[in-house]
Amino acid sequence: MLQRSALLLFALLALLADSLPAADLTRVGVLGNSGESAESLATFPGETAAGIGPVLDDDRTLWERGGLGQLNRYALDGRLLASFELPAISDHNDLMTRAGEWLVLRLRGAIYVLPLAAQSGAQPELLLQNVDVLSFGSCDGRVAVYQKNENTVAWLDTATGKTTPIATPEFSVQSLFVEADGTVDVFGEGQVQAWKDARPVAGFPKEFRGERPQKFGRYWYSHGWHGTIHRLNEQFEPDPGVVLGGASGSFIGYLPQSVDVTNGRGLVHVQGNVFAVSGKNGVVQLLEWNADELRFAVVRRLGALAGLSGLAIDAAGAIWTPRGSIRWHDSCEMPFTLGDREPDILAQPVVLGGRTLCVLKKHYNY
């Protein structure tokens, strides 16, 4: 049950069953899965899968993969509005972006398209194969793709499937971004190059470190491990640098990090000072930008709590999971508090005296 969908309060009550008088267990609410109940309750069926980058549509709803083989559409309050069947395939470069009124998805080397107006249950259409990298962003209904076997960055027309060459980069391409004016930024091997109208842009290459970069307004954002988000200026210089998470020498200082991010899969500007980010488990979280402190704060969690390896509750009503902790009376879309930094729990946690949490865990394999 915990592997497939909701973290339910009756499951938590079951942990205490041995110490309670005999009684029927009653479901009284949901924690960890946004959407409250019934059809609006967010679920991740099947295996867990990384996010592919949240997309915002004109109705201000968010789209993101929710478990291997499913695409979810959420209201900003966390309700599940619709779900769609995806091919049950995945790799590290999976990505989703928007091109006009279409969603464009790269799933394990293949490009699929799905209209934003699709009804719940619809399936995306296969458009192109043998694609190693898909761009964030689009221009005039086209996205950029990189095909390693041809060593070519090209435009892909999402209406026809036709490709038009842009450049032949002299380095291994890891990420692409299409700016509003049609400039294509190509990232890889510690640098960024740019092309406009299939011609190199003056002033490049520039040094760049980070993953899955995207530009919003005058700033670039990129991701790293430990839930790290970096903000850079248009010259790819730190401005101020780390704005969420950060560890392993990322910077001198401390910012809260979220295990639901771990390694960000994409960012989208929602409105005003609100952004949305997705992470390695497919959960979408709303971020609020603090202009005074130059950092993000996680303010809402959209999605499900799946794939748990352990669960515990202490005497104060704190519920502990490998993703952090929540409180008994929290609402279902409440972000998890810090807890441990992405623990790999190997056995059921034990609470001693109601106040001491004991777990068998590891952080890394060697």
Protein backbone atom coordinates (compact mmCIF):
# COMPACT_ATOMS: atom_id res chain seq x y z
CA MET A 1 0.00 0.00 0.00
CA LEU A 2 2.76 2.44 0.98
CA GLN A 3 4.61 1.53 -2.20
CA ARG A 4 1.66 2.47 -4.38
CA SER A 5 -0.20 5.44 -3.03
CA ALA A 6 -1.25 7.25 0.10
CA LEU A 7 0.24 7.49 3.53
CA LEU A 8 -3.00 7.08 5.43
CA LEU A 9 -3.68 7.78 9.04
CA PHE A 10 -5.13 4.32 9.53
CA ALA A 11 -1.69 2.96 8.63
CA LEU A 12 -0.20 5.08 11.36
CA LEU A 13 -2.78 3.91 13.85
CA ALA A 14 -1.91 0.33 12.96
CA LEU A 15 1.60 0.89 14.28
CA LEU A 16 0.11 1.48 17.72
CA ALA A 17 -2.38 -1.38 17.60
CA ASP A 18 -0.53 -3.58 20.10
CA SER A 19 -0.69 -0.91 22.81
CA LEU A 20 -4.32 0.14 22.31
CA PRO A 21 -7.52 -1.53 23.52
CA ALA A 22 -9.19 -3.72 20.91
CA ALA A 23 -11.10 -1.49 18.51
CA ASP A 24 -11.83 -1.03 14.84
CA LEU A 25 -9.36 1.12 12.93
CA THR A 26 -10.99 4.08 11.25
CA ARG A 27 -9.56 6.16 8.43
CA VAL A 28 -9.74 9.80 9.50
CA GLY A 29 -7.59 11.59 6.94
CA VAL A 30 -4.55 11.63 4.69
CA LEU A 31 -0.99 12.80 5.23
CA GLY A 32 1.72 12.92 2.58
CA ASN A 33 -0.57 12.84 -0.47
CA SER A 34 -2.01 16.17 -1.58
CA GLY A 35 -5.58 16.53 -2.79
CA GLU A 36 -7.55 15.53 0.33
CA SER A 37 -9.58 12.49 -0.83
CA ALA A 38 -11.48 10.64 -3.55
CA GLU A 39 -10.65 11.47 -7.18
CA SER A 40 -8.66 14.59 -6.27
CA LEU A 41 -6.21 12.60 -4.10
CA ALA A 42 -2.77 12.53 -5.73
CA THR A 43 -1.38 9.03 -6.28
CA PHE A 44 1.77 7.56 -7.84
CA PRO A 45 0.89 4.06 -9.10
CA GLY A 46 3.54 1.48 -9.89
CA GLU A 47 7.25 2.14 -9.45
CA THR A 48 8.51 5.52 -8.32
CA ALA A 49 10.15 7.66 -11.01
CA ALA A 50 12.03 10.93 -11.13
CA GLY A 51 10.32 14.12 -12.16
CA ILE A 52 10.75 15.36 -15.71
CA GLY A 53 10.39 19.09 -15.03
CA PRO A 54 7.05 20.67 -14.07
CA VAL A 55 5.13 22.51 -16.81
CA LEU A 56 2.61 25.31 -16.20
CA ASP A 57 -0.34 25.77 -18.57
CA ASP A 58 -2.55 28.81 -19.21
CA ASP A 59 -5.05 27.61 -16.59
CA ARG A 60 -2.26 27.77 -13.99
CA THR A 61 -2.22 24.05 -13.44
CA LEU A 62 0.98 22.04 -13.17
CA TRP A 63 1.93 18.88 -15.07
CA GLU A 64 4.50 16.35 -13.86
CA ARG A 65 5.18 12.63 -13.97
CA GLY A 66 3.65 10.82 -10.99
CA GLY A 67 5.23 7.39 -10.83
CA LEU A 68 6.55 5.36 -13.73
CA GLY A 69 3.91 5.29 -16.48
CA GLN A 70 1.71 8.18 -15.31
CA LEU A 71 1.52 11.92 -15.97
CA ASN A 72 -0.42 13.99 -13.42
CA ARG A 73 -2.06 17.39 -13.71
CA TYR A 74 -2.42 19.34 -10.45
CA ALA A 75 -4.23 22.41 -9.22
CA LEU A 76 -1.94 24.76 -7.31
CA ASP A 77 -3.62 23.68 -4.06
CA GLY A 78 -2.45 20.10 -4.68
CA ARG A 79 -5.64 18.51 -6.02
CA LEU A 80 -5.21 15.93 -8.77
CA LEU A 81 -7.20 17.17 -11.78
CA ALA A 82 -6.34 14.52 -14.35
CA SER A 83 -3.91 11.70 -15.09
CA PHE A 84 -2.54 10.31 -18.34
CA GLU A 85 -0.84 7.06 -19.29
CA LEU A 86 2.83 7.27 -20.21
CA PRO A 87 5.19 4.61 -21.55
CA ALA A 88 6.66 2.86 -18.49
CA ILE A 89 10.23 3.77 -19.40
CA SER A 90 12.75 6.12 -17.85
CA ASP A 91 16.34 7.31 -17.82
CA HIS A 92 18.34 10.17 -16.29
CA ASN A 93 17.75 12.55 -19.22
CA ASP A 94 13.93 12.34 -19.23
CA LEU A 95 12.48 15.83 -19.59
CA MET A 96 9.20 17.62 -20.36
CA THR A 97 8.66 21.09 -21.78
CA ARG A 98 5.90 23.12 -23.40
CA ALA A 99 5.69 24.15 -27.06
CA GLY A 100 2.61 26.29 -27.64
CA GLU A 101 -0.44 24.18 -26.80
CA TRP A 102 1.53 20.93 -26.64
CA LEU A 103 3.50 19.07 -24.03
CA VAL A 104 6.74 17.61 -25.41
CA LEU A 105 8.26 14.71 -23.49
CA ARG A 106 11.58 12.96 -23.91
CA LEU A 107 11.35 9.49 -22.32
CA ARG A 108 14.37 7.19 -22.61
CA GLY A 109 15.45 8.43 -26.00
CA ALA A 110 12.03 8.95 -27.61
CA ILE A 111 10.05 12.18 -28.09
CA TYR A 112 6.30 12.13 -27.39
CA VAL A 113 3.71 14.91 -27.69
CA LEU A 114 0.42 15.43 -25.88
CA PRO A 115 -2.00 18.35 -26.36
CA LEU A 116 -2.62 20.45 -23.26
CA ALA A 117 -6.33 20.10 -24.02
CA ALA A 118 -6.18 16.29 -23.76
CA GLN A 119 -8.80 14.59 -21.63
CA SER A 120 -7.80 12.50 -18.62
CA GLY A 121 -6.66 9.04 -19.69
CA ALA A 122 -5.27 10.12 -23.07
CA GLN A 123 -1.89 8.82 -24.23
CA PRO A 124 0.91 10.83 -25.87
CA GLU A 125 1.90 10.25 -29.49
CA LEU A 126 5.40 9.10 -30.49
CA LEU A 127 7.09 11.77 -32.64
CA LEU A 128 10.83 11.02 -32.91
CA GLN A 129 13.34 8.44 -31.67
CA ASN A 130 17.07 8.38 -30.87
CA VAL A 131 17.07 11.71 -29.04
CA ASP A 132 19.61 12.09 -26.25
CA VAL A 133 18.70 15.59 -25.00
CA LEU A 134 15.51 17.69 -25.23
CA SER A 135 15.53 21.41 -24.53
CA PHE A 136 13.72 23.26 -21.82
CA GLY A 137 11.79 26.00 -23.61
CA SER A 138 10.58 26.42 -27.18
CA CYS A 139 10.16 29.02 -29.91
CA ASP A 140 7.43 29.17 -32.57
CA GLY A 141 6.28 25.62 -31.89
CA ARG A 142 9.78 24.19 -32.10
CA VAL A 143 12.03 22.63 -29.49
CA ALA A 144 15.74 21.87 -29.71
CA VAL A 145 17.06 18.30 -29.59
CA TYR A 146 20.49 16.70 -29.54
CA GLN A 147 21.11 13.38 -31.30
CA LYS A 148 24.46 11.97 -30.28
CA ASN A 149 24.65 9.46 -33.14
CA GLU A 150 24.64 12.39 -35.58
CA ASN A 151 26.39 14.86 -33.23
CA THR A 152 23.77 17.44 -34.15
CA VAL A 153 21.71 20.00 -32.29
CA ALA A 154 18.56 20.58 -34.34
CA TRP A 155 15.16 22.21 -34.28
CA LEU A 156 12.26 19.79 -33.97
CA ASP A 157 8.90 20.96 -35.32
CA THR A 158 6.37 19.52 -32.88
CA ALA A 159 3.59 19.62 -35.48
CA THR A 160 5.38 17.71 -38.24
CA GLY A 161 8.28 15.89 -36.59
CA LYS A 162 10.69 17.51 -39.06
CA THR A 163 14.21 18.38 -37.84
CA THR A 164 16.40 21.27 -39.04
CA PRO A 165 20.11 21.34 -38.08
CA ILE A 166 21.36 24.18 -35.87
CA ALA A 167 24.92 23.26 -34.91
CA THR A 168 27.51 20.52 -34.58
CA PRO A 169 29.01 21.06 -31.11
CA GLU A 170 32.58 20.02 -30.36
CA PHE A 171 31.75 18.72 -26.88
CA SER A 172 29.37 16.25 -25.27
CA VAL A 173 25.97 17.92 -24.86
CA GLN A 174 24.26 17.55 -21.48
CA SER A 175 21.52 20.21 -21.55
CA LEU A 176 19.71 22.54 -23.96
CA PHE A 177 17.67 25.68 -23.37
CA VAL A 178 15.65 27.68 -25.93
CA GLU A 179 15.23 31.37 -25.14
CA ALA A 180 12.17 33.38 -26.17
CA ASP A 181 14.05 35.01 -29.09
CA GLY A 182 15.13 31.65 -30.50
CA THR A 183 18.65 31.61 -29.07
CA VAL A 184 19.66 28.02 -28.33
CA ASP A 185 22.00 27.59 -25.36
CA VAL A 186 24.00 24.35 -25.39
CA PHE A 187 25.60 23.09 -22.16
CA GLY A 188 28.23 20.42 -21.60
CA GLU A 189 31.72 19.64 -20.31
CA GLY A 190 31.83 22.70 -18.03
CA GLN A 191 30.86 25.25 -20.67
CA VAL A 192 27.94 26.83 -22.49
CA GLN A 193 27.78 27.78 -26.18
CA ALA A 194 24.96 29.69 -27.86
CA TRP A 195 23.57 29.79 -31.41
CA LYS A 196 21.05 32.19 -32.96
CA ASP A 197 19.69 31.54 -36.46
CA ALA A 198 22.17 28.64 -36.69
CA ARG A 199 25.12 31.03 -36.14
CA PRO A 200 27.39 31.16 -33.07
CA VAL A 201 26.61 34.02 -30.67
CA ALA A 202 29.53 36.35 -29.87
CA GLY A 203 31.01 36.15 -26.38
CA PHE A 204 30.78 32.39 -26.04
CA PRO A 205 31.83 29.88 -24.80
CA LYS A 206 31.41 30.71 -21.13
CA GLU A 207 32.20 28.59 -18.10
CA PHE A 208 29.21 26.80 -16.57
CA ARG A 209 28.71 24.21 -13.83
CA GLY A 210 25.34 22.76 -12.90
CA GLU A 211 22.52 20.57 -14.12
CA ARG A 212 19.34 21.18 -16.15
CA PRO A 213 19.75 24.99 -16.46
CA GLN A 214 16.78 27.25 -17.19
CA LYS A 215 16.42 31.01 -17.59
CA PHE A 216 13.60 33.09 -16.08
CA GLY A 217 13.80 36.83 -16.65
CA ARG A 218 17.39 37.98 -16.12
CA TYR A 219 18.52 34.95 -14.14
CA TRP A 220 19.68 31.42 -14.79
CA TYR A 221 18.83 28.60 -12.38
CA SER A 222 20.52 25.21 -12.18
CA HIS A 223 20.47 22.19 -9.89
CA GLY A 224 22.85 20.02 -7.89
CA TRP A 225 22.71 17.24 -5.33
CA HIS A 226 21.50 17.76 -1.75
CA GLY A 227 18.50 19.70 -3.05
CA THR A 228 20.72 22.52 -4.27
CA ILE A 229 19.38 25.26 -6.54
CA HIS A 230 21.78 27.90 -7.87
CA ARG A 231 20.87 31.33 -9.25
CA LEU A 232 23.23 32.97 -11.76
CA ASN A 233 23.19 36.23 -13.71
CA GLU A 234 23.18 36.49 -17.51
CA GLN A 235 26.96 36.10 -17.54
CA PHE A 236 26.57 32.79 -15.65
CA GLU A 237 28.11 34.29 -12.51
CA PRO A 238 26.69 33.48 -9.03
CA ASP A 239 23.96 35.97 -8.10
CA PRO A 240 23.97 35.11 -5.24
CA GLY A 241 24.73 31.42 -5.96
CA VAL A 242 23.01 28.81 -3.77
CA VAL A 243 19.37 29.75 -3.06
CA LEU A 244 18.06 26.41 -1.72
CA GLY A 245 19.77 23.40 -0.16
CA GLY A 246 23.51 23.07 -0.54
CA ALA A 247 26.06 20.66 0.91
CA SER A 248 29.36 18.94 0.10
CA GLY A 249 31.23 22.24 -0.19
CA SER A 250 28.60 24.00 -2.32
CA PHE A 251 29.12 27.18 -0.33
CA ILE A 252 29.97 28.47 3.14
CA GLY A 253 26.68 28.76 4.96
CA TYR A 254 23.44 26.92 5.46
CA LEU A 255 20.06 26.86 3.74
CA PRO A 256 17.24 24.38 4.38
CA GLN A 257 17.16 21.48 1.95
CA SER A 258 14.33 19.21 0.88
CA VAL A 259 14.67 15.46 0.41
CA ASP A 260 11.74 15.74 -2.01
CA VAL A 261 14.08 17.71 -4.29
CA THR A 262 17.44 15.92 -3.74
CA ASN A 263 18.49 16.65 -7.34
CA GLY A 264 16.10 19.05 -9.06
CA ARG A 265 14.59 17.90 -12.34
CA GLY A 266 13.18 21.26 -13.42
CA LEU A 267 11.83 24.62 -12.35
CA VAL A 268 8.93 26.74 -13.59
CA HIS A 269 7.85 30.29 -12.73
CA VAL A 270 4.23 30.18 -11.55
CA GLN A 271 3.42 33.80 -10.68
CA GLY A 272 4.96 36.73 -8.81
CA ASN A 273 7.52 35.33 -6.39
CA VAL A 274 6.25 31.74 -6.65
CA PHE A 275 8.08 28.98 -8.53
CA ALA A 276 7.59 25.22 -8.71
CA VAL A 277 10.31 22.56 -8.64
CA SER A 278 10.27 18.78 -8.99
CA GLY A 279 12.77 16.25 -7.73
CA LYS A 280 13.95 12.66 -7.88
CA ASN A 281 10.65 11.24 -6.60
CA GLY A 282 8.36 13.19 -8.94
CA VAL A 283 6.93 15.36 -6.16
CA VAL A 284 6.25 18.99 -7.13
CA GLN A 285 6.87 21.68 -4.53
CA LEU A 286 5.94 25.34 -4.61
CA LEU A 287 8.79 27.67 -3.73
CA GLU A 288 8.47 31.25 -2.51
CA TRP A 289 11.28 33.66 -3.38
CA ASN A 290 12.47 35.84 -0.49
CA ALA A 291 13.90 38.97 -2.12
CA ASP A 292 15.39 40.28 1.14
CA GLU A 293 17.29 37.09 1.98
CA LEU A 294 17.85 36.04 -1.66
CA ARG A 295 16.67 32.48 -1.20
CA PHE A 296 13.78 30.10 -1.78
CA ALA A 297 11.52 28.58 0.87
CA VAL A 298 9.39 25.48 0.28
CA VAL A 299 5.75 26.36 0.97
CA ARG A 300 3.60 23.57 -0.49
CA ARG A 301 3.98 19.93 -1.55
CA LEU A 302 2.03 18.51 -4.53
CA GLY A 303 1.97 14.78 -5.21
CA ALA A 304 2.12 11.50 -3.33
CA LEU A 305 4.30 9.76 -0.77
CA ALA A 306 5.33 6.45 -2.34
CA GLY A 307 8.14 3.95 -2.13
CA LEU A 308 8.67 4.17 1.64
CA SER A 309 11.10 1.78 3.33
CA GLY A 310 10.05 2.68 6.86
CA LEU A 311 7.60 4.66 8.98
CA ALA A 312 7.46 5.68 12.65
CA ILE A 313 5.52 7.93 15.01
CA ASP A 314 6.81 9.44 18.26
CA ALA A 315 5.07 10.54 21.45
CA ALA A 316 4.71 14.12 20.22
CA GLY A 317 2.78 13.02 17.13
CA ALA A 318 5.65 13.53 14.69
CA ILE A 319 5.50 11.02 11.83
CA TRP A 320 8.95 10.10 10.52
CA THR A 321 9.63 8.89 6.98
CA PRO A 322 12.74 8.67 4.76
CA ARG A 323 11.60 11.97 3.18
CA GLY A 324 11.53 13.91 6.46
CA SER A 325 8.85 14.35 9.10
CA ILE A 326 5.33 15.73 9.36
CA ARG A 327 2.99 16.36 12.28
CA TRP A 328 -0.24 14.54 13.09
CA HIS A 329 -2.39 17.62 12.49
CA ASP A 330 -0.59 18.86 9.36
CA SER A 331 -2.60 19.37 6.19
CA CYS A 332 -2.02 16.91 3.35
CA GLU A 333 -0.04 19.37 1.20
CA MET A 334 2.34 20.42 4.01
CA PRO A 335 6.04 20.21 3.03
CA PHE A 336 8.09 17.82 5.12
CA THR A 337 10.40 19.24 7.76
CA LEU A 338 14.10 18.59 7.46
CA GLY A 339 14.80 15.39 9.32
CA ASP A 340 17.81 13.51 7.96
CA ARG A 341 19.47 14.27 4.65
CA GLU A 342 18.13 11.64 2.28
CA PRO A 343 18.64 8.57 4.49
CA ASP A 344 18.54 5.13 2.92
CA ILE A 345 16.64 3.28 5.65
CA LEU A 346 17.24 -0.46 5.64
CA ALA A 347 14.79 -1.55 8.36
CA GLN A 348 11.63 -0.42 10.13
CA PRO A 349 12.49 2.51 12.49
CA VAL A 350 11.95 1.97 16.21
CA VAL A 351 10.90 4.70 18.65
CA LEU A 352 12.30 4.20 22.16
CA GLY A 353 10.43 5.79 25.04
CA GLY A 354 8.31 7.68 22.55
CA ARG A 355 11.10 10.21 21.97
CA THR A 356 14.20 8.52 20.55
CA LEU A 357 14.16 7.44 16.89
CA CYS A 358 16.46 4.54 16.00
CA VAL A 359 17.08 3.57 12.36
CA LEU A 360 19.47 1.32 10.46
CA LYS A 361 20.54 3.31 7.44
CA LYS A 362 23.29 4.15 5.00
CA HIS A 363 24.07 7.21 2.91
CA TYR A 364 26.35 6.00 0.15
CA ASN A 365 27.60 2.84 -1.52
CA TYR A 366 31.32 2.37 -2.04
